[in-house]
Amino acid sequence: YGAGCFRFASGAEGKAVASDGTAAHYGMMLAQDVVCGLFGGRMTIACSAILFDADSWDNRFFWYERNLPGSGYSSALYGTGCRWYAMLSGRPVPGLSLGVRIARTWYADGRTSVGSGDDMTQGNHRTDIGAYIQWRL
């Protein structure tokens, strides 16, 4: 739905997963996306906030996020926490495309690291920052 330059998308999901006769694992996710076109649609601001509570990897949630050109991201969210991102992108003048994006996932479930292997970071949060610029002659 929309109002003026703003477009909104909301999502909610609940899960109950049981396997091999074990007790069910439960989870819920709430999400809100906001997108606004600026300067006659030449620039776009996109933001999203997600709250999630999934007590196991088996009932994790996936949420697609807008990203910079040439890249994509679909969050695999489990545990308890929130994720947000903000992105500014567009073509402010003919021939120039640019974008900048920041995203953060914060966990409130007591974990002391996020990710695994070479992708692991210490702490209960992860921040991703990206930028894109293209000049066509």
N, C-alpha and C. Protein backbone atom coordinates (compact mmCIF):
# COMPACT_ATOMS: atom_id res chain seq x y z
N TYR A 1 0.84 -1.17 0.00
CA TYR A 1 0.00 0.00 0.00
C TYR A 1 0.88 1.23 0.00
N GLY A 2 0.34 2.40 -0.31
CA GLY A 2 1.18 3.58 -0.41
C GLY A 2 0.47 4.85 0.01
N ALA A 3 1.27 5.88 0.22
CA ALA A 3 0.78 7.21 0.56
C ALA A 3 1.81 8.21 0.06
N GLY A 4 1.44 9.00 -0.95
CA GLY A 4 2.39 9.94 -1.52
C GLY A 4 3.54 9.20 -2.18
N CYS A 5 4.76 9.61 -1.86
CA CYS A 5 5.93 8.94 -2.45
C CYS A 5 6.26 7.64 -1.73
N PHE A 6 5.58 7.34 -0.64
CA PHE A 6 5.91 6.17 0.17
C PHE A 6 5.15 4.93 -0.28
N ARG A 7 5.83 3.79 -0.22
CA ARG A 7 5.22 2.48 -0.45
C ARG A 7 5.58 1.60 0.74
N PHE A 8 4.60 0.89 1.26
CA PHE A 8 4.79 0.07 2.45
C PHE A 8 4.48 -1.39 2.14
N ALA A 9 5.23 -2.28 2.75
CA ALA A 9 4.95 -3.71 2.67
C ALA A 9 5.18 -4.30 4.06
N SER A 10 4.23 -5.05 4.54
CA SER A 10 4.32 -5.66 5.87
C SER A 10 4.27 -7.17 5.74
N GLY A 11 4.88 -7.85 6.68
CA GLY A 11 4.84 -9.30 6.68
C GLY A 11 4.85 -9.85 8.09
N ALA A 12 4.19 -10.95 8.28
CA ALA A 12 4.19 -11.66 9.57
C ALA A 12 4.16 -13.15 9.26
N GLU A 13 4.88 -13.89 10.04
CA GLU A 13 4.94 -15.34 9.81
C GLU A 13 5.11 -16.03 11.15
N GLY A 14 4.47 -17.17 11.30
CA GLY A 14 4.63 -18.01 12.47
C GLY A 14 4.91 -19.43 12.04
N LYS A 15 5.67 -20.16 12.85
CA LYS A 15 6.03 -21.54 12.49
C LYS A 15 6.00 -22.43 13.72
N ALA A 16 5.67 -23.68 13.47
CA ALA A 16 5.83 -24.75 14.46
C ALA A 16 6.43 -25.92 13.69
N VAL A 17 7.62 -26.34 14.07
CA VAL A 17 8.33 -27.39 13.36
C VAL A 17 8.65 -28.52 14.32
N ALA A 18 8.25 -29.74 13.97
CA ALA A 18 8.59 -30.93 14.76
C ALA A 18 9.16 -31.97 13.81
N SER A 19 10.23 -32.61 14.21
CA SER A 19 10.82 -33.64 13.36
C SER A 19 11.26 -34.82 14.20
N ASP A 20 11.19 -35.99 13.63
CA ASP A 20 11.63 -37.22 14.29
C ASP A 20 10.99 -37.43 15.66
N GLY A 21 9.74 -37.03 15.80
CA GLY A 21 9.02 -37.26 17.04
C GLY A 21 9.45 -36.37 18.20
N THR A 22 10.25 -35.34 17.94
CA THR A 22 10.68 -34.44 19.02
C THR A 22 9.63 -33.37 19.25
N ALA A 23 9.78 -32.65 20.34
CA ALA A 23 8.85 -31.57 20.65
C ALA A 23 8.96 -30.48 19.58
N ALA A 24 7.87 -29.77 19.36
CA ALA A 24 7.83 -28.73 18.33
C ALA A 24 8.69 -27.54 18.73
N HIS A 25 9.31 -26.92 17.73
CA HIS A 25 10.02 -25.65 17.89
C HIS A 25 9.13 -24.58 17.28
N TYR A 26 9.03 -23.44 17.97
CA TYR A 26 8.14 -22.37 17.53
C TYR A 26 8.93 -21.13 17.14
N GLY A 27 8.33 -20.34 16.27
CA GLY A 27 8.97 -19.10 15.87
C GLY A 27 7.98 -18.11 15.30
N MET A 28 8.38 -16.82 15.35
CA MET A 28 7.55 -15.78 14.75
C MET A 28 8.46 -14.70 14.19
N MET A 29 7.95 -14.01 13.18
CA MET A 29 8.68 -12.92 12.55
C MET A 29 7.68 -11.84 12.14
N LEU A 30 8.06 -10.58 12.38
CA LEU A 30 7.28 -9.42 11.93
C LEU A 30 8.22 -8.54 11.12
N ALA A 31 7.76 -8.04 9.97
CA ALA A 31 8.62 -7.23 9.12
C ALA A 31 7.84 -6.06 8.53
N GLN A 32 8.56 -4.95 8.34
CA GLN A 32 7.98 -3.76 7.71
C GLN A 32 9.00 -3.17 6.75
N ASP A 33 8.61 -2.98 5.50
CA ASP A 33 9.44 -2.33 4.49
C ASP A 33 8.81 -0.99 4.13
N VAL A 34 9.67 0.00 3.89
CA VAL A 34 9.23 1.32 3.45
C VAL A 34 10.14 1.74 2.30
N VAL A 35 9.55 2.17 1.19
CA VAL A 35 10.31 2.65 0.04
C VAL A 35 9.74 4.00 -0.36
N CYS A 36 10.63 4.94 -0.67
CA CYS A 36 10.19 6.27 -1.08
C CYS A 36 11.01 6.74 -2.27
N GLY A 37 10.34 7.16 -3.33
CA GLY A 37 11.01 7.73 -4.49
C GLY A 37 11.22 9.22 -4.29
N LEU A 38 12.41 9.71 -4.64
CA LEU A 38 12.75 11.12 -4.47
C LEU A 38 13.16 11.73 -5.80
N PHE A 39 13.05 13.04 -5.90
CA PHE A 39 13.51 13.78 -7.07
C PHE A 39 12.92 13.21 -8.36
N GLY A 40 11.63 13.08 -8.37
CA GLY A 40 10.95 12.58 -9.56
C GLY A 40 11.26 11.14 -9.87
N GLY A 41 11.62 10.35 -8.86
CA GLY A 41 11.91 8.94 -9.04
C GLY A 41 13.35 8.65 -9.41
N ARG A 42 14.20 9.68 -9.49
CA ARG A 42 15.61 9.44 -9.83
C ARG A 42 16.38 8.78 -8.69
N MET A 43 15.94 8.98 -7.47
CA MET A 43 16.59 8.37 -6.30
C MET A 43 15.52 7.63 -5.49
N THR A 44 15.95 6.59 -4.78
CA THR A 44 15.04 5.80 -3.95
C THR A 44 15.68 5.55 -2.59
N ILE A 45 14.89 5.72 -1.56
CA ILE A 45 15.29 5.32 -0.21
C ILE A 45 14.46 4.10 0.15
N ALA A 46 15.13 3.03 0.59
CA ALA A 46 14.44 1.80 1.01
C ALA A 46 14.92 1.44 2.41
N CYS A 47 14.00 1.14 3.30
CA CYS A 47 14.32 0.75 4.68
C CYS A 47 13.47 -0.46 5.05
N SER A 48 14.00 -1.25 5.97
CA SER A 48 13.27 -2.41 6.45
C SER A 48 13.64 -2.68 7.90
N ALA A 49 12.69 -3.15 8.67
CA ALA A 49 12.93 -3.59 10.04
C ALA A 49 12.24 -4.93 10.25
N ILE A 50 12.94 -5.86 10.89
CA ILE A 50 12.42 -7.21 11.11
C ILE A 50 12.66 -7.59 12.57
N LEU A 51 11.64 -8.07 13.24
CA LEU A 51 11.76 -8.67 14.57
C LEU A 51 11.55 -10.16 14.40
N PHE A 52 12.40 -10.96 15.03
CA PHE A 52 12.26 -12.40 14.87
C PHE A 52 12.56 -13.12 16.18
N ASP A 53 11.93 -14.27 16.33
CA ASP A 53 12.15 -15.15 17.48
C ASP A 53 11.89 -16.58 17.00
N ALA A 54 12.97 -17.28 16.69
CA ALA A 54 12.88 -18.66 16.21
C ALA A 54 13.85 -19.48 17.05
N ASP A 55 13.34 -20.44 17.79
CA ASP A 55 14.18 -21.10 18.80
C ASP A 55 15.12 -22.17 18.26
N SER A 56 15.14 -22.39 16.94
CA SER A 56 16.11 -23.35 16.39
C SER A 56 16.37 -23.04 14.91
N TRP A 57 17.45 -23.60 14.39
CA TRP A 57 17.77 -23.46 12.98
C TRP A 57 16.69 -24.08 12.11
N ASP A 58 16.02 -25.13 12.62
CA ASP A 58 14.98 -25.82 11.85
C ASP A 58 13.79 -24.93 11.53
N ASN A 59 13.53 -23.92 12.33
CA ASN A 59 12.39 -23.05 12.05
C ASN A 59 12.83 -21.60 11.78
N ARG A 60 14.00 -21.45 11.17
CA ARG A 60 14.51 -20.13 10.81
C ARG A 60 13.59 -19.48 9.77
N PHE A 61 13.72 -18.17 9.65
CA PHE A 61 12.92 -17.40 8.71
C PHE A 61 13.82 -16.82 7.63
N PHE A 62 13.27 -16.68 6.44
CA PHE A 62 13.99 -16.04 5.34
C PHE A 62 13.23 -14.79 4.93
N TRP A 63 13.96 -13.71 4.67
CA TRP A 63 13.34 -12.46 4.24
C TRP A 63 14.21 -11.84 3.16
N TYR A 64 13.61 -11.60 2.01
CA TYR A 64 14.35 -10.99 0.91
C TYR A 64 14.53 -9.50 1.18
N GLU A 65 15.72 -8.98 0.87
CA GLU A 65 16.00 -7.56 1.05
C GLU A 65 16.45 -6.94 -0.26
N ARG A 66 16.04 -5.71 -0.49
CA ARG A 66 16.58 -4.95 -1.62
C ARG A 66 18.07 -4.78 -1.39
N ASN A 67 18.82 -4.76 -2.49
CA ASN A 67 20.26 -4.62 -2.35
C ASN A 67 20.80 -3.79 -3.51
N LEU A 68 22.08 -3.54 -3.47
CA LEU A 68 22.75 -2.78 -4.51
C LEU A 68 22.78 -3.58 -5.80
N PRO A 69 22.88 -2.92 -6.95
CA PRO A 69 22.94 -3.64 -8.23
C PRO A 69 24.07 -4.68 -8.24
N GLY A 70 23.77 -5.84 -8.77
CA GLY A 70 24.76 -6.90 -8.86
C GLY A 70 24.90 -7.75 -7.62
N SER A 71 24.10 -7.50 -6.59
CA SER A 71 24.18 -8.31 -5.37
C SER A 71 22.77 -8.53 -4.83
N GLY A 72 22.64 -9.56 -4.03
CA GLY A 72 21.35 -9.88 -3.44
C GLY A 72 21.55 -10.35 -2.01
N TYR A 73 20.48 -10.35 -1.23
CA TYR A 73 20.59 -10.81 0.15
C TYR A 73 19.24 -11.35 0.59
N SER A 74 19.27 -12.52 1.18
CA SER A 74 18.09 -13.10 1.78
C SER A 74 18.51 -13.58 3.16
N SER A 75 18.00 -12.93 4.18
CA SER A 75 18.39 -13.23 5.55
C SER A 75 17.89 -14.58 5.99
N ALA A 76 18.74 -15.36 6.66
CA ALA A 76 18.33 -16.57 7.36
C ALA A 76 18.34 -16.20 8.84
N LEU A 77 17.18 -15.96 9.41
CA LEU A 77 17.07 -15.42 10.76
C LEU A 77 16.61 -16.49 11.74
N TYR A 78 17.38 -16.69 12.78
CA TYR A 78 16.98 -17.60 13.85
C TYR A 78 17.57 -17.07 15.15
N GLY A 79 17.05 -17.57 16.26
CA GLY A 79 17.38 -16.99 17.55
C GLY A 79 16.37 -15.88 17.83
N THR A 80 16.75 -14.94 18.67
CA THR A 80 15.89 -13.81 19.01
C THR A 80 16.63 -12.53 18.70
N GLY A 81 16.00 -11.63 17.95
CA GLY A 81 16.68 -10.39 17.64
C GLY A 81 15.93 -9.54 16.64
N CYS A 82 16.67 -8.62 16.03
CA CYS A 82 16.09 -7.75 15.02
C CYS A 82 17.12 -7.50 13.92
N ARG A 83 16.63 -7.17 12.76
CA ARG A 83 17.48 -6.82 11.63
C ARG A 83 16.87 -5.62 10.95
N TRP A 84 17.71 -4.71 10.51
CA TRP A 84 17.25 -3.56 9.76
C TRP A 84 18.25 -3.23 8.66
N TYR A 85 17.79 -2.53 7.66
CA TYR A 85 18.69 -1.98 6.65
C TYR A 85 18.12 -0.68 6.13
N ALA A 86 19.01 0.14 5.58
CA ALA A 86 18.63 1.38 4.90
C ALA A 86 19.50 1.49 3.65
N MET A 87 18.89 1.89 2.55
CA MET A 87 19.62 1.98 1.29
C MET A 87 19.13 3.19 0.50
N LEU A 88 20.09 3.93 -0.04
CA LEU A 88 19.82 5.03 -0.95
C LEU A 88 20.42 4.65 -2.30
N SER A 89 19.63 4.69 -3.35
CA SER A 89 20.15 4.31 -4.67
C SER A 89 19.41 5.07 -5.76
N GLY A 90 20.02 5.11 -6.93
CA GLY A 90 19.36 5.73 -8.06
C GLY A 90 20.31 6.28 -9.09
N ARG A 91 19.73 7.15 -9.94
CA ARG A 91 20.47 7.81 -11.01
C ARG A 91 20.22 9.31 -10.89
N PRO A 92 21.04 9.99 -10.09
CA PRO A 92 20.80 11.42 -9.86
C PRO A 92 20.99 12.29 -11.10
N VAL A 93 21.89 11.88 -12.00
CA VAL A 93 22.12 12.59 -13.27
C VAL A 93 22.28 11.54 -14.36
N PRO A 94 22.04 11.90 -15.61
CA PRO A 94 22.20 10.92 -16.69
C PRO A 94 23.61 10.33 -16.72
N GLY A 95 23.68 9.01 -16.82
CA GLY A 95 24.96 8.31 -16.90
C GLY A 95 25.54 7.88 -15.57
N LEU A 96 25.04 8.42 -14.46
CA LEU A 96 25.58 8.10 -13.14
C LEU A 96 24.58 7.27 -12.34
N SER A 97 24.99 6.08 -11.93
CA SER A 97 24.19 5.24 -11.03
C SER A 97 24.98 5.08 -9.75
N LEU A 98 24.31 5.21 -8.62
CA LEU A 98 25.02 5.05 -7.35
C LEU A 98 24.09 4.49 -6.29
N GLY A 99 24.70 3.97 -5.25
CA GLY A 99 23.94 3.45 -4.13
C GLY A 99 24.83 3.23 -2.93
N VAL A 100 24.24 3.33 -1.76
CA VAL A 100 24.92 3.03 -0.51
C VAL A 100 23.92 2.30 0.38
N ARG A 101 24.41 1.32 1.13
CA ARG A 101 23.52 0.48 1.95
C ARG A 101 24.21 0.11 3.25
N ILE A 102 23.46 0.14 4.33
CA ILE A 102 23.94 -0.35 5.62
C ILE A 102 22.87 -1.26 6.20
N ALA A 103 23.30 -2.37 6.79
CA ALA A 103 22.38 -3.34 7.39
C ALA A 103 22.98 -3.83 8.70
N ARG A 104 22.12 -4.14 9.65
CA ARG A 104 22.61 -4.65 10.94
C ARG A 104 21.64 -5.70 11.46
N THR A 105 22.21 -6.79 11.95
CA THR A 105 21.45 -7.82 12.66
C THR A 105 21.95 -7.83 14.09
N TRP A 106 21.03 -7.76 15.03
CA TRP A 106 21.37 -7.75 16.46
C TRP A 106 20.61 -8.89 17.12
N TYR A 107 21.33 -9.68 17.91
CA TYR A 107 20.74 -10.83 18.59
C TYR A 107 20.63 -10.57 20.08
N ALA A 108 19.48 -10.93 20.65
CA ALA A 108 19.22 -10.74 22.07
C ALA A 108 19.15 -12.08 22.79
N ASP A 109 19.74 -13.12 22.21
CA ASP A 109 19.62 -14.46 22.79
C ASP A 109 20.89 -14.93 23.49
N GLY A 110 21.81 -14.03 23.79
CA GLY A 110 22.99 -14.40 24.56
C GLY A 110 24.16 -14.91 23.75
N ARG A 111 24.07 -14.96 22.44
CA ARG A 111 25.20 -15.46 21.65
C ARG A 111 26.38 -14.49 21.72
N THR A 112 27.56 -15.02 21.56
CA THR A 112 28.78 -14.21 21.64
C THR A 112 29.49 -14.09 20.30
N SER A 113 28.95 -14.74 19.26
CA SER A 113 29.51 -14.60 17.92
C SER A 113 28.39 -14.79 16.90
N VAL A 114 28.61 -14.25 15.71
CA VAL A 114 27.64 -14.33 14.62
C VAL A 114 28.35 -14.89 13.40
N GLY A 115 27.74 -15.84 12.70
CA GLY A 115 28.33 -16.42 11.50
C GLY A 115 29.17 -17.64 11.84
N SER A 116 29.90 -18.12 10.83
CA SER A 116 30.76 -19.28 11.03
C SER A 116 31.94 -19.20 10.07
N GLY A 117 32.99 -19.92 10.38
CA GLY A 117 34.17 -19.96 9.52
C GLY A 117 34.78 -18.59 9.31
N ASP A 118 35.18 -18.29 8.08
CA ASP A 118 35.78 -17.00 7.76
C ASP A 118 34.80 -15.85 7.89
N ASP A 119 33.52 -16.15 7.95
CA ASP A 119 32.47 -15.14 8.04
C ASP A 119 32.10 -14.79 9.49
N MET A 120 32.75 -15.43 10.48
CA MET A 120 32.39 -15.24 11.88
C MET A 120 32.90 -13.90 12.41
N THR A 121 32.03 -13.22 13.18
CA THR A 121 32.41 -12.00 13.89
C THR A 121 32.09 -12.18 15.36
N GLN A 122 32.89 -11.61 16.22
CA GLN A 122 32.66 -11.68 17.66
C GLN A 122 31.61 -10.66 18.06
N GLY A 123 30.82 -10.99 19.07
CA GLY A 123 29.77 -10.10 19.55
C GLY A 123 28.40 -10.61 19.17
N ASN A 124 27.38 -9.87 19.57
CA ASN A 124 26.00 -10.29 19.33
C ASN A 124 25.35 -9.55 18.16
N HIS A 125 26.17 -8.94 17.30
CA HIS A 125 25.62 -8.22 16.16
C HIS A 125 26.55 -8.32 14.95
N ARG A 126 25.98 -8.02 13.81
CA ARG A 126 26.75 -7.98 12.57
C ARG A 126 26.26 -6.78 11.76
N THR A 127 27.21 -6.01 11.24
CA THR A 127 26.90 -4.84 10.43
C THR A 127 27.53 -5.02 9.05
N ASP A 128 26.75 -4.78 8.01
CA ASP A 128 27.23 -4.86 6.63
C ASP A 128 27.05 -3.49 5.98
N ILE A 129 28.09 -3.02 5.29
CA ILE A 129 28.04 -1.74 4.59
C ILE A 129 28.49 -1.98 3.15
N GLY A 130 27.78 -1.40 2.21
CA GLY A 130 28.14 -1.55 0.81
C GLY A 130 27.91 -0.27 0.04
N ALA A 131 28.62 -0.10 -1.06
CA ALA A 131 28.46 1.07 -1.92
C ALA A 131 28.62 0.64 -3.38
N TYR A 132 28.02 1.41 -4.27
CA TYR A 132 28.05 1.11 -5.70
C TYR A 132 28.08 2.43 -6.45
N ILE A 133 28.94 2.50 -7.45
CA ILE A 133 28.96 3.68 -8.32
C ILE A 133 29.30 3.23 -9.73
N GLN A 134 28.58 3.75 -10.71
CA GLN A 134 28.83 3.43 -12.11
C GLN A 134 28.63 4.69 -12.93
N TRP A 135 29.62 5.02 -13.75
CA TRP A 135 29.53 6.17 -14.63
C TRP A 135 29.61 5.68 -16.07
N ARG A 136 28.58 5.93 -16.83
CA ARG A 136 28.56 5.52 -18.24
C ARG A 136 28.84 6.73 -19.11
N LEU A 137 29.79 6.57 -19.98
CA LEU A 137 30.16 7.67 -20.88
C LEU A 137 29.43 7.60 -22.20
